Amino acid sequence: MNKAIVTCSLTGVLTDPQQHPVPVTAAEMAASARDAYNAGASIMHVHFRDQRPGKGHLPTWDPEAVDEIAQAIRAACPGVILNFSTGTVGPDIAGPLACLARSKPEMAAMNAGSLNYLKTTSKGEWAWKPMLFDNPVEKIEAYLAAMHEHSIVPECECFDVGILRSIGMFRQVGLLRDPLHVSLVMGVASGMPADPDLLQVLMKYLPQGARWQGIVIGREEVWRVHRTVAELGGDLRTGVEDTFYLPDGTRTTGNGPLIDAIVALARECGREIASPAEARAAIVH
């Protein structure tokens, strides 16, 4: 299918809703998802925030709170595909597993390897305390077992070339099943850069037959990479988790304008946009 499947990354992990246009409550998430859905997004990649007043910058893995958000999005966006975040630091993944079992999204992120999560300031200091986003094979195995049990499609997120190359090995030993869905995560300071030239190289290392998308994090420079993704036949993702900036450098007011912009870009590249039903037929098996 040459049509591009569009994903909206609805909200981030720790972004402060007092400073940025990120939805938090079930009603806000549903309204923002509806804006993105109307603009052409068929998949909603969802992180979940603490619903208590003043706590919206913090994540939650409360299955009941998560399911309230999931059902609100489904009601607002008929036929939408939900893609749950599963990212955690450390070995305790009971919360994400409980949320997958409770709400049974069609897809879930499968972070396919570990990364030193680093960033520096212009003063030559760490922007935050260096941390390891740890995704050892045992953790990946546990996530994949749950996803297979609940018929959830893994979305394999790759932060560097070595992680991308590992996907084929996971398939070879039977942890992953065809068809594969791969995300190339670009723009994290200690991961792959948001460089359109790098995409040409990465195409050589995609597992044969995999469907893929770009996840591009940054400011207005991300749009050059999105254009190359569209030209190379990849699927497209944007949203306030990934950027607050439109192609002209102005700040977005929310997810709807970002999806409008990526849909327009895809059509400029000769790509039409998959409907939710077409996306579901291509992804959910």
C-alpha atoms as a PDB file:
ATOM      1  CA  MET A   1       0.000   0.000   0.000  1.00  0.00           C
ATOM      2  CA  ASN A   2       1.569   3.280  -1.107  1.00  0.00           C
ATOM      3  CA  LYS A   3      -0.749   5.304   1.104  1.00  0.00           C
ATOM      4  CA  ALA A   4       0.906   6.743   4.200  1.00  0.00           C
ATOM      5  CA  ILE A   5      -0.419   5.759   7.605  1.00  0.00           C
ATOM      6  CA  VAL A   6      -0.306   8.781   9.905  1.00  0.00           C
ATOM      7  CA  THR A   7       0.262   8.515  13.651  1.00  0.00           C
ATOM      8  CA  CYS A   8      -0.288  11.298  16.152  1.00  0.00           C
ATOM      9  CA  SER A   9       1.964  11.277  19.242  1.00  0.00           C
ATOM     10  CA  LEU A  10      -0.630  12.840  21.501  1.00  0.00           C
ATOM     11  CA  THR A  11       1.396  13.855  24.543  1.00  0.00           C
ATOM     12  CA  GLY A  12       4.851  13.267  25.970  1.00  0.00           C
ATOM     13  CA  VAL A  13       6.225  11.696  29.115  1.00  0.00           C
ATOM     14  CA  LEU A  14       7.036  14.606  31.428  1.00  0.00           C
ATOM     15  CA  THR A  15       6.199  17.761  29.443  1.00  0.00           C
ATOM     16  CA  ASP A  16       4.612  20.359  31.719  1.00  0.00           C
ATOM     17  CA  PRO A  17       1.043  21.185  30.614  1.00  0.00           C
ATOM     18  CA  GLN A  18       1.421  24.570  32.311  1.00  0.00           C
ATOM     19  CA  GLN A  19       4.070  25.500  29.730  1.00  0.00           C
ATOM     20  CA  HIS A  20       3.178  23.526  26.595  1.00  0.00           C
ATOM     21  CA  PRO A  21      -0.036  22.533  24.730  1.00  0.00           C
ATOM     22  CA  VAL A  22      -0.068  18.899  25.850  1.00  0.00           C
ATOM     23  CA  PRO A  23      -3.359  17.189  26.771  1.00  0.00           C
ATOM     24  CA  VAL A  24      -3.596  15.455  30.141  1.00  0.00           C
ATOM     25  CA  THR A  25      -7.136  14.539  31.210  1.00  0.00           C
ATOM     26  CA  ALA A  26      -9.332  11.994  29.458  1.00  0.00           C
ATOM     27  CA  ALA A  27     -11.482  14.804  28.007  1.00  0.00           C
ATOM     28  CA  GLU A  28      -8.413  16.728  26.804  1.00  0.00           C
ATOM     29  CA  MET A  29      -6.856  13.604  25.301  1.00  0.00           C
ATOM     30  CA  ALA A  30     -10.074  12.719  23.483  1.00  0.00           C
ATOM     31  CA  ALA A  31     -10.512  16.253  22.111  1.00  0.00           C
ATOM     32  CA  SER A  32      -6.908  16.453  20.946  1.00  0.00           C
ATOM     33  CA  ALA A  33      -7.145  12.994  19.398  1.00  0.00           C
ATOM     34  CA  ARG A  34     -10.318  14.042  17.581  1.00  0.00           C
ATOM     35  CA  ASP A  35      -8.520  17.055  16.094  1.00  0.00           C
ATOM     36  CA  ALA A  36      -5.704  14.801  14.885  1.00  0.00           C
ATOM     37  CA  TYR A  37      -8.144  12.158  13.612  1.00  0.00           C
ATOM     38  CA  ASN A  38     -10.101  14.748  11.624  1.00  0.00           C
ATOM     39  CA  ALA A  39      -6.830  15.968  10.118  1.00  0.00           C
ATOM     40  CA  GLY A  40      -5.876  12.468   8.920  1.00  0.00           C
ATOM     41  CA  ALA A  41      -4.298  10.496  11.781  1.00  0.00           C
ATOM     42  CA  SER A  42      -5.385   6.856  12.037  1.00  0.00           C
ATOM     43  CA  ILE A  43      -3.148   5.866  14.978  1.00  0.00           C
ATOM     44  CA  MET A  44      -2.856   7.563  18.351  1.00  0.00           C
ATOM     45  CA  HIS A  45       0.383   6.897  20.216  1.00  0.00           C
ATOM     46  CA  VAL A  46      -0.568   7.452  23.837  1.00  0.00           C
ATOM     47  CA  HIS A  47       1.347   8.192  27.016  1.00  0.00           C
ATOM     48  CA  PHE A  48      -0.735   8.538  30.154  1.00  0.00           C
ATOM     49  CA  ARG A  49      -0.536  11.334  32.713  1.00  0.00           C
ATOM     50  CA  ASP A  50      -1.517  11.603  36.359  1.00  0.00           C
ATOM     51  CA  GLN A  51      -5.072  12.980  36.401  1.00  0.00           C
ATOM     52  CA  ARG A  52      -4.808  14.693  39.802  1.00  0.00           C
ATOM     53  CA  PRO A  53      -4.746  18.520  39.825  1.00  0.00           C
ATOM     54  CA  GLY A  54      -1.210  19.839  39.586  1.00  0.00           C
ATOM     55  CA  LYS A  55       0.223  16.394  38.767  1.00  0.00           C
ATOM     56  CA  GLY A  56      -0.353  16.388  34.992  1.00  0.00           C
ATOM     57  CA  HIS A  57       3.377  16.512  34.225  1.00  0.00           C
ATOM     58  CA  LEU A  58       3.818  13.069  35.804  1.00  0.00           C
ATOM     59  CA  PRO A  59       3.100   9.680  34.193  1.00  0.00           C
ATOM     60  CA  THR A  60       0.633   7.107  35.479  1.00  0.00           C
ATOM     61  CA  TRP A  61       0.306   3.348  35.015  1.00  0.00           C
ATOM     62  CA  ASP A  62      -3.019   3.096  36.836  1.00  0.00           C
ATOM     63  CA  PRO A  63      -5.029   0.692  34.626  1.00  0.00           C
ATOM     64  CA  GLU A  64      -8.368   2.326  35.443  1.00  0.00           C
ATOM     65  CA  ALA A  65      -7.137   5.844  34.623  1.00  0.00           C
ATOM     66  CA  VAL A  66      -5.492   4.529  31.467  1.00  0.00           C
ATOM     67  CA  ASP A  67      -8.642   2.735  30.347  1.00  0.00           C
ATOM     68  CA  GLU A  68     -10.738   5.851  30.919  1.00  0.00           C
ATOM     69  CA  ILE A  69      -8.467   7.727  28.524  1.00  0.00           C
ATOM     70  CA  ALA A  70      -8.407   4.859  26.011  1.00  0.00           C
ATOM     71  CA  GLN A  71     -12.183   4.552  25.912  1.00  0.00           C
ATOM     72  CA  ALA A  72     -12.609   8.335  25.606  1.00  0.00           C
ATOM     73  CA  ILE A  73     -10.304   8.376  22.570  1.00  0.00           C
ATOM     74  CA  ARG A  74     -12.072   5.409  20.997  1.00  0.00           C
ATOM     75  CA  ALA A  75     -15.443   7.092  21.455  1.00  0.00           C
ATOM     76  CA  ALA A  76     -14.188  10.339  19.911  1.00  0.00           C
ATOM     77  CA  CYS A  77     -12.417   8.671  16.972  1.00  0.00           C
ATOM     78  CA  PRO A  78     -14.386   5.760  15.432  1.00  0.00           C
ATOM     79  CA  GLY A  79     -12.101   3.016  14.148  1.00  0.00           C
ATOM     80  CA  VAL A  80      -8.935   4.611  15.513  1.00  0.00           C
ATOM     81  CA  ILE A  81      -5.916   2.403  16.289  1.00  0.00           C
ATOM     82  CA  LEU A  82      -4.477   2.873  19.783  1.00  0.00           C
ATOM     83  CA  ASN A  83      -0.733   2.486  20.315  1.00  0.00           C
ATOM     84  CA  PHE A  84       0.240   2.474  24.011  1.00  0.00           C
ATOM     85  CA  SER A  85       3.600   3.580  25.321  1.00  0.00           C
ATOM     86  CA  THR A  86       5.374   0.972  27.452  1.00  0.00           C
ATOM     87  CA  GLY A  87       8.565   2.880  28.238  1.00  0.00           C
ATOM     88  CA  THR A  88       9.879   2.409  31.771  1.00  0.00           C
ATOM     89  CA  VAL A  89      13.260   2.742  33.447  1.00  0.00           C
ATOM     90  CA  GLY A  90      14.218  -0.273  35.513  1.00  0.00           C
ATOM     91  CA  PRO A  91      12.980  -3.862  35.646  1.00  0.00           C
ATOM     92  CA  ASP A  92       9.492  -3.233  37.059  1.00  0.00           C
ATOM     93  CA  ILE A  93       7.059  -3.394  34.148  1.00  0.00           C
ATOM     94  CA  ALA A  94       3.982  -4.511  36.099  1.00  0.00           C
ATOM     95  CA  GLY A  95       2.207  -1.209  35.447  1.00  0.00           C
ATOM     96  CA  PRO A  96       2.525  -1.209  31.652  1.00  0.00           C
ATOM     97  CA  LEU A  97       1.627  -4.907  31.482  1.00  0.00           C
ATOM     98  CA  ALA A  98      -1.517  -4.300  33.552  1.00  0.00           C
ATOM     99  CA  CYS A  99      -2.524  -1.456  31.219  1.00  0.00           C
ATOM    100  CA  LEU A 100      -2.051  -3.633  28.125  1.00  0.00           C
ATOM    101  CA  ALA A 101      -4.179  -6.388  29.683  1.00  0.00           C
ATOM    102  CA  ARG A 102      -6.901  -3.949  30.783  1.00  0.00           C
ATOM    103  CA  SER A 103      -7.353  -1.922  27.592  1.00  0.00           C
ATOM    104  CA  LYS A 104      -5.942  -4.233  24.878  1.00  0.00           C
ATOM    105  CA  PRO A 105      -4.736  -1.567  22.422  1.00  0.00           C
ATOM    106  CA  GLU A 106      -4.196  -2.643  18.855  1.00  0.00           C
ATOM    107  CA  MET A 107      -0.496  -1.684  19.042  1.00  0.00           C
ATOM    108  CA  ALA A 108       2.129  -0.977  21.694  1.00  0.00           C
ATOM    109  CA  ALA A 109       5.608   0.480  21.601  1.00  0.00           C
ATOM    110  CA  MET A 110       8.353  -2.121  21.930  1.00  0.00           C
ATOM    111  CA  ASN A 111      11.591  -0.316  22.776  1.00  0.00           C
ATOM    112  CA  ALA A 112      14.027  -2.614  21.041  1.00  0.00           C
ATOM    113  CA  GLY A 113      17.273  -1.808  22.866  1.00  0.00           C
ATOM    114  CA  SER A 114      18.987   0.267  25.528  1.00  0.00           C
ATOM    115  CA  LEU A 115      20.244   3.841  25.185  1.00  0.00           C
ATOM    116  CA  ASN A 116      22.285   6.205  27.334  1.00  0.00           C
ATOM    117  CA  TYR A 117      19.802   9.085  27.444  1.00  0.00           C
ATOM    118  CA  LEU A 118      21.982  12.189  27.438  1.00  0.00           C
ATOM    119  CA  LYS A 119      21.815  15.890  26.649  1.00  0.00           C
ATOM    120  CA  THR A 120      24.146  18.822  27.336  1.00  0.00           C
ATOM    121  CA  THR A 121      23.571  22.557  27.693  1.00  0.00           C
ATOM    122  CA  SER A 122      25.379  25.422  25.948  1.00  0.00           C
ATOM    123  CA  LYS A 123      27.360  25.839  29.186  1.00  0.00           C
ATOM    124  CA  GLY A 124      28.893  22.392  28.790  1.00  0.00           C
ATOM    125  CA  GLU A 125      26.835  20.838  31.559  1.00  0.00           C
ATOM    126  CA  TRP A 126      24.413  17.916  31.598  1.00  0.00           C
ATOM    127  CA  ALA A 127      20.871  19.075  30.845  1.00  0.00           C
ATOM    128  CA  TRP A 128      19.711  16.333  33.250  1.00  0.00           C
ATOM    129  CA  LYS A 129      21.404  13.620  35.225  1.00  0.00           C
ATOM    130  CA  PRO A 130      22.640  10.995  32.716  1.00  0.00           C
ATOM    131  CA  MET A 131      20.303   8.032  32.690  1.00  0.00           C
ATOM    132  CA  LEU A 132      20.108   4.643  31.045  1.00  0.00           C
ATOM    133  CA  PHE A 133      16.900   3.842  29.192  1.00  0.00           C
ATOM    134  CA  ASP A 134      17.326   0.148  29.832  1.00  0.00           C
ATOM    135  CA  ASN A 135      15.693  -2.402  27.577  1.00  0.00           C
ATOM    136  CA  PRO A 136      17.586  -5.673  28.005  1.00  0.00           C
ATOM    137  CA  VAL A 137      16.447  -8.770  26.172  1.00  0.00           C
ATOM    138  CA  GLU A 138      14.649 -10.195  29.243  1.00  0.00           C
ATOM    139  CA  LYS A 139      12.498  -7.066  29.446  1.00  0.00           C
ATOM    140  CA  ILE A 140      11.788  -7.174  25.712  1.00  0.00           C
ATOM    141  CA  GLU A 141      10.824 -10.853  25.994  1.00  0.00           C
ATOM    142  CA  ALA A 142       8.346 -10.082  28.777  1.00  0.00           C
ATOM    143  CA  TYR A 143       6.727  -7.273  26.802  1.00  0.00           C
ATOM    144  CA  LEU A 144       6.491  -9.343  23.633  1.00  0.00           C
ATOM    145  CA  ALA A 145       4.951 -12.288  25.504  1.00  0.00           C
ATOM    146  CA  ALA A 146       2.193  -9.999  26.781  1.00  0.00           C
ATOM    147  CA  MET A 147       1.665  -8.379  23.391  1.00  0.00           C
ATOM    148  CA  HIS A 148       1.339 -11.756  21.694  1.00  0.00           C
ATOM    149  CA  GLU A 149      -1.025 -12.990  24.430  1.00  0.00           C
ATOM    150  CA  HIS A 150      -3.369 -10.031  23.883  1.00  0.00           C
ATOM    151  CA  SER A 151      -2.977  -9.883  20.055  1.00  0.00           C
ATOM    152  CA  ILE A 152      -1.228  -6.509  20.272  1.00  0.00           C
ATOM    153  CA  VAL A 153       1.050  -5.552  17.383  1.00  0.00           C
ATOM    154  CA  PRO A 154       4.557  -4.521  18.558  1.00  0.00           C
ATOM    155  CA  GLU A 155       5.864  -1.230  17.176  1.00  0.00           C
ATOM    156  CA  CYS A 156       9.643  -1.737  17.330  1.00  0.00           C
ATOM    157  CA  GLU A 157      11.276   1.567  18.280  1.00  0.00           C
ATOM    158  CA  CYS A 158      14.927   1.841  17.253  1.00  0.00           C
ATOM    159  CA  PHE A 159      17.117   4.624  18.632  1.00  0.00           C
ATOM    160  CA  ASP A 160      20.344   3.666  16.849  1.00  0.00           C
ATOM    161  CA  VAL A 161      21.614   1.481  14.033  1.00  0.00           C
ATOM    162  CA  GLY A 162      22.594  -1.396  16.321  1.00  0.00           C
ATOM    163  CA  ILE A 163      19.083  -1.541  17.752  1.00  0.00           C
ATOM    164  CA  LEU A 164      17.658  -1.561  14.219  1.00  0.00           C
ATOM    165  CA  ARG A 165      19.912  -4.470  13.300  1.00  0.00           C
ATOM    166  CA  SER A 166      18.745  -6.353  16.407  1.00  0.00           C
ATOM    167  CA  ILE A 167      15.183  -6.490  15.063  1.00  0.00           C
ATOM    168  CA  GLY A 168      16.153  -9.127  12.525  1.00  0.00           C
ATOM    169  CA  MET A 169      17.780 -11.198  15.272  1.00  0.00           C
ATOM    170  CA  PHE A 170      14.650 -10.984  17.436  1.00  0.00           C
ATOM    171  CA  ARG A 171      12.707 -12.313  14.473  1.00  0.00           C
ATOM    172  CA  GLN A 172      15.316 -15.021  13.810  1.00  0.00           C
ATOM    173  CA  VAL A 173      15.009 -16.466  17.330  1.00  0.00           C
ATOM    174  CA  GLY A 174      11.204 -16.314  17.259  1.00  0.00           C
ATOM    175  CA  LEU A 175      10.563 -13.354  19.568  1.00  0.00           C
ATOM    176  CA  LEU A 176       9.057 -11.239  16.772  1.00  0.00           C
ATOM    177  CA  ARG A 177       6.566 -12.384  14.174  1.00  0.00           C
ATOM    178  CA  ASP A 178       5.943 -11.098  10.672  1.00  0.00           C
ATOM    179  CA  PRO A 179       4.817  -8.634   9.568  1.00  0.00           C
ATOM    180  CA  LEU A 180       7.216  -6.338  11.414  1.00  0.00           C
ATOM    181  CA  HIS A 181       6.546  -2.685  12.235  1.00  0.00           C
ATOM    182  CA  VAL A 182       9.672  -0.602  12.763  1.00  0.00           C
ATOM    183  CA  SER A 183      10.051   3.000  13.933  1.00  0.00           C
ATOM    184  CA  LEU A 184      13.280   4.890  13.277  1.00  0.00           C
ATOM    185  CA  VAL A 185      13.649   7.307  16.200  1.00  0.00           C
ATOM    186  CA  MET A 186      15.711  10.322  15.155  1.00  0.00           C
ATOM    187  CA  GLY A 187      16.587  13.499  17.014  1.00  0.00           C
ATOM    188  CA  VAL A 188      17.340  12.203  20.525  1.00  0.00           C
ATOM    189  CA  ALA A 189      20.669  13.875  21.373  1.00  0.00           C
ATOM    190  CA  SER A 190      22.456  10.598  22.180  1.00  0.00           C
ATOM    191  CA  GLY A 191      20.697   8.579  19.476  1.00  0.00           C
ATOM    192  CA  MET A 192      20.347   8.831  15.701  1.00  0.00           C
ATOM    193  CA  PRO A 193      20.353  12.452  14.506  1.00  0.00           C
ATOM    194  CA  ALA A 194      17.438  14.030  12.665  1.00  0.00           C
ATOM    195  CA  ASP A 195      19.360  13.867   9.402  1.00  0.00           C
ATOM    196  CA  PRO A 196      17.573  13.120   6.122  1.00  0.00           C
ATOM    197  CA  ASP A 197      20.816  11.791   4.609  1.00  0.00           C
ATOM    198  CA  LEU A 198      21.007   9.113   7.306  1.00  0.00           C
ATOM    199  CA  LEU A 199      17.656   7.713   6.198  1.00  0.00           C
ATOM    200  CA  GLN A 200      19.139   6.550   2.900  1.00  0.00           C
ATOM    201  CA  VAL A 201      21.689   4.494   4.849  1.00  0.00           C
ATOM    202  CA  LEU A 202      19.114   3.096   7.269  1.00  0.00           C
ATOM    203  CA  MET A 203      17.058   1.692   4.393  1.00  0.00           C
ATOM    204  CA  LYS A 204      19.781  -0.930   3.902  1.00  0.00           C
ATOM    205  CA  TYR A 205      19.295  -2.233   7.423  1.00  0.00           C
ATOM    206  CA  LEU A 206      15.507  -2.436   7.601  1.00  0.00           C
ATOM    207  CA  PRO A 207      14.363  -6.042   8.010  1.00  0.00           C
ATOM    208  CA  GLN A 208      12.998  -7.393   4.744  1.00  0.00           C
ATOM    209  CA  GLY A 209       9.268  -6.805   4.402  1.00  0.00           C
ATOM    210  CA  ALA A 210       8.998  -4.519   7.441  1.00  0.00           C
ATOM    211  CA  ARG A 211       6.584  -1.609   7.449  1.00  0.00           C
ATOM    212  CA  TRP A 212       8.353   1.440   8.871  1.00  0.00           C
ATOM    213  CA  GLN A 213       7.846   4.999  10.011  1.00  0.00           C
ATOM    214  CA  GLY A 214       9.970   7.933  11.110  1.00  0.00           C
ATOM    215  CA  ILE A 215       9.744   9.355  14.631  1.00  0.00           C
ATOM    216  CA  VAL A 216      11.516  12.698  14.392  1.00  0.00           C
ATOM    217  CA  ILE A 217      12.136  14.791  17.494  1.00  0.00           C
ATOM    218  CA  GLY A 218      13.206  18.430  17.493  1.00  0.00           C
ATOM    219  CA  ARG A 219      12.188  21.861  16.260  1.00  0.00           C
ATOM    220  CA  GLU A 220      11.308  22.945  12.716  1.00  0.00           C
ATOM    221  CA  GLU A 221      14.277  20.976  11.307  1.00  0.00           C
ATOM    222  CA  VAL A 222      12.241  17.778  11.712  1.00  0.00           C
ATOM    223  CA  TRP A 223      10.170  18.597   8.642  1.00  0.00           C
ATOM    224  CA  ARG A 224      13.059  18.022   6.233  1.00  0.00           C
ATOM    225  CA  VAL A 225      13.338  14.516   7.621  1.00  0.00           C
ATOM    226  CA  HIS A 226       9.583  13.925   7.407  1.00  0.00           C
ATOM    227  CA  ARG A 227       9.742  14.859   3.722  1.00  0.00           C
ATOM    228  CA  THR A 228      12.455  12.276   3.079  1.00  0.00           C
ATOM    229  CA  VAL A 229      10.462   9.640   4.998  1.00  0.00           C
ATOM    230  CA  ALA A 230       7.471  10.350   2.765  1.00  0.00           C
ATOM    231  CA  GLU A 231       9.604  10.209  -0.396  1.00  0.00           C
ATOM    232  CA  LEU A 232      11.131   6.873   0.648  1.00  0.00           C
ATOM    233  CA  GLY A 233       7.701   5.323   1.263  1.00  0.00           C
ATOM    234  CA  GLY A 234       7.634   5.351   5.049  1.00  0.00           C
ATOM    235  CA  ASP A 235       4.698   6.057   7.303  1.00  0.00           C
ATOM    236  CA  LEU A 236       4.517   9.369   9.118  1.00  0.00           C
ATOM    237  CA  ARG A 237       4.217  10.469  12.736  1.00  0.00           C
ATOM    238  CA  THR A 238       4.105  13.812  14.486  1.00  0.00           C
ATOM    239  CA  GLY A 239       2.476  15.377  17.522  1.00  0.00           C
ATOM    240  CA  VAL A 240       3.332  17.434  20.571  1.00  0.00           C
ATOM    241  CA  GLU A 241       5.354  14.563  22.025  1.00  0.00           C
ATOM    242  CA  ASP A 242       7.820  15.030  19.153  1.00  0.00           C
ATOM    243  CA  THR A 243       7.777  18.754  18.320  1.00  0.00           C
ATOM    244  CA  PHE A 244       6.038  22.023  19.146  1.00  0.00           C
ATOM    245  CA  TYR A 245       6.987  23.617  15.821  1.00  0.00           C
ATOM    246  CA  LEU A 246       5.269  23.803  12.452  1.00  0.00           C
ATOM    247  CA  PRO A 247       7.244  23.817   9.185  1.00  0.00           C
ATOM    248  CA  ASP A 248       7.379  27.639   9.114  1.00  0.00           C
ATOM    249  CA  GLY A 249       8.960  27.720  12.573  1.00  0.00           C
ATOM    250  CA  THR A 250       5.869  28.951  14.422  1.00  0.00           C
ATOM    251  CA  ARG A 251       4.708  27.138  17.538  1.00  0.00           C
ATOM    252  CA  THR A 252       1.734  24.848  17.198  1.00  0.00           C
ATOM    253  CA  THR A 253      -1.390  25.272  19.272  1.00  0.00           C
ATOM    254  CA  GLY A 254      -1.864  21.508  19.530  1.00  0.00           C
ATOM    255  CA  ASN A 255      -1.881  18.241  17.619  1.00  0.00           C
ATOM    256  CA  GLY A 256      -4.376  19.152  14.892  1.00  0.00           C
ATOM    257  CA  PRO A 257      -2.137  21.697  13.106  1.00  0.00           C
ATOM    258  CA  LEU A 258       0.828  19.315  13.229  1.00  0.00           C
ATOM    259  CA  ILE A 259      -1.191  16.529  11.576  1.00  0.00           C
ATOM    260  CA  ASP A 260      -2.544  19.010   9.012  1.00  0.00           C
ATOM    261  CA  ALA A 261       1.059  19.911   8.155  1.00  0.00           C
ATOM    262  CA  ILE A 262       2.322  16.342   7.814  1.00  0.00           C
ATOM    263  CA  VAL A 263      -0.670  15.334   5.672  1.00  0.00           C
ATOM    264  CA  ALA A 264      -0.009  18.311   3.366  1.00  0.00           C
ATOM    265  CA  LEU A 265       3.664  17.343   3.164  1.00  0.00           C
ATOM    266  CA  ALA A 266       2.791  13.739   2.267  1.00  0.00           C
ATOM    267  CA  ARG A 267       0.511  14.883  -0.544  1.00  0.00           C
ATOM    268  CA  GLU A 268       3.211  17.198  -1.877  1.00  0.00           C
ATOM    269  CA  CYS A 269       5.366  14.064  -2.137  1.00  0.00           C
ATOM    270  CA  GLY A 270       2.670  12.203  -4.081  1.00  0.00           C
ATOM    271  CA  ARG A 271       1.437  10.128  -1.134  1.00  0.00           C
ATOM    272  CA  GLU A 272      -2.201   9.802  -0.234  1.00  0.00           C
ATOM    273  CA  ILE A 273      -3.282   9.194   3.346  1.00  0.00           C
ATOM    274  CA  ALA A 274      -4.657   5.881   4.583  1.00  0.00           C
ATOM    275  CA  SER A 275      -8.079   5.949   6.214  1.00  0.00           C
ATOM    276  CA  PRO A 276      -8.476   4.338   9.651  1.00  0.00           C
ATOM    277  CA  ALA A 277     -10.031   1.293   7.965  1.00  0.00           C
ATOM    278  CA  GLU A 278      -7.124   1.018   5.506  1.00  0.00           C
ATOM    279  CA  ALA A 279      -4.600   1.438   8.320  1.00  0.00           C
ATOM    280  CA  ARG A 280      -6.340  -1.238  10.363  1.00  0.00           C
ATOM    281  CA  ALA A 281      -6.304  -3.666   7.422  1.00  0.00           C
ATOM    282  CA  ALA A 282      -2.579  -3.057   6.910  1.00  0.00           C
ATOM    283  CA  ILE A 283      -1.532  -3.353  10.560  1.00  0.00           C
ATOM    284  CA  VAL A 284      -3.985  -5.299  12.727  1.00  0.00           C
ATOM    285  CA  HIS A 285      -3.926  -9.033  12.056  1.00  0.00           C
END
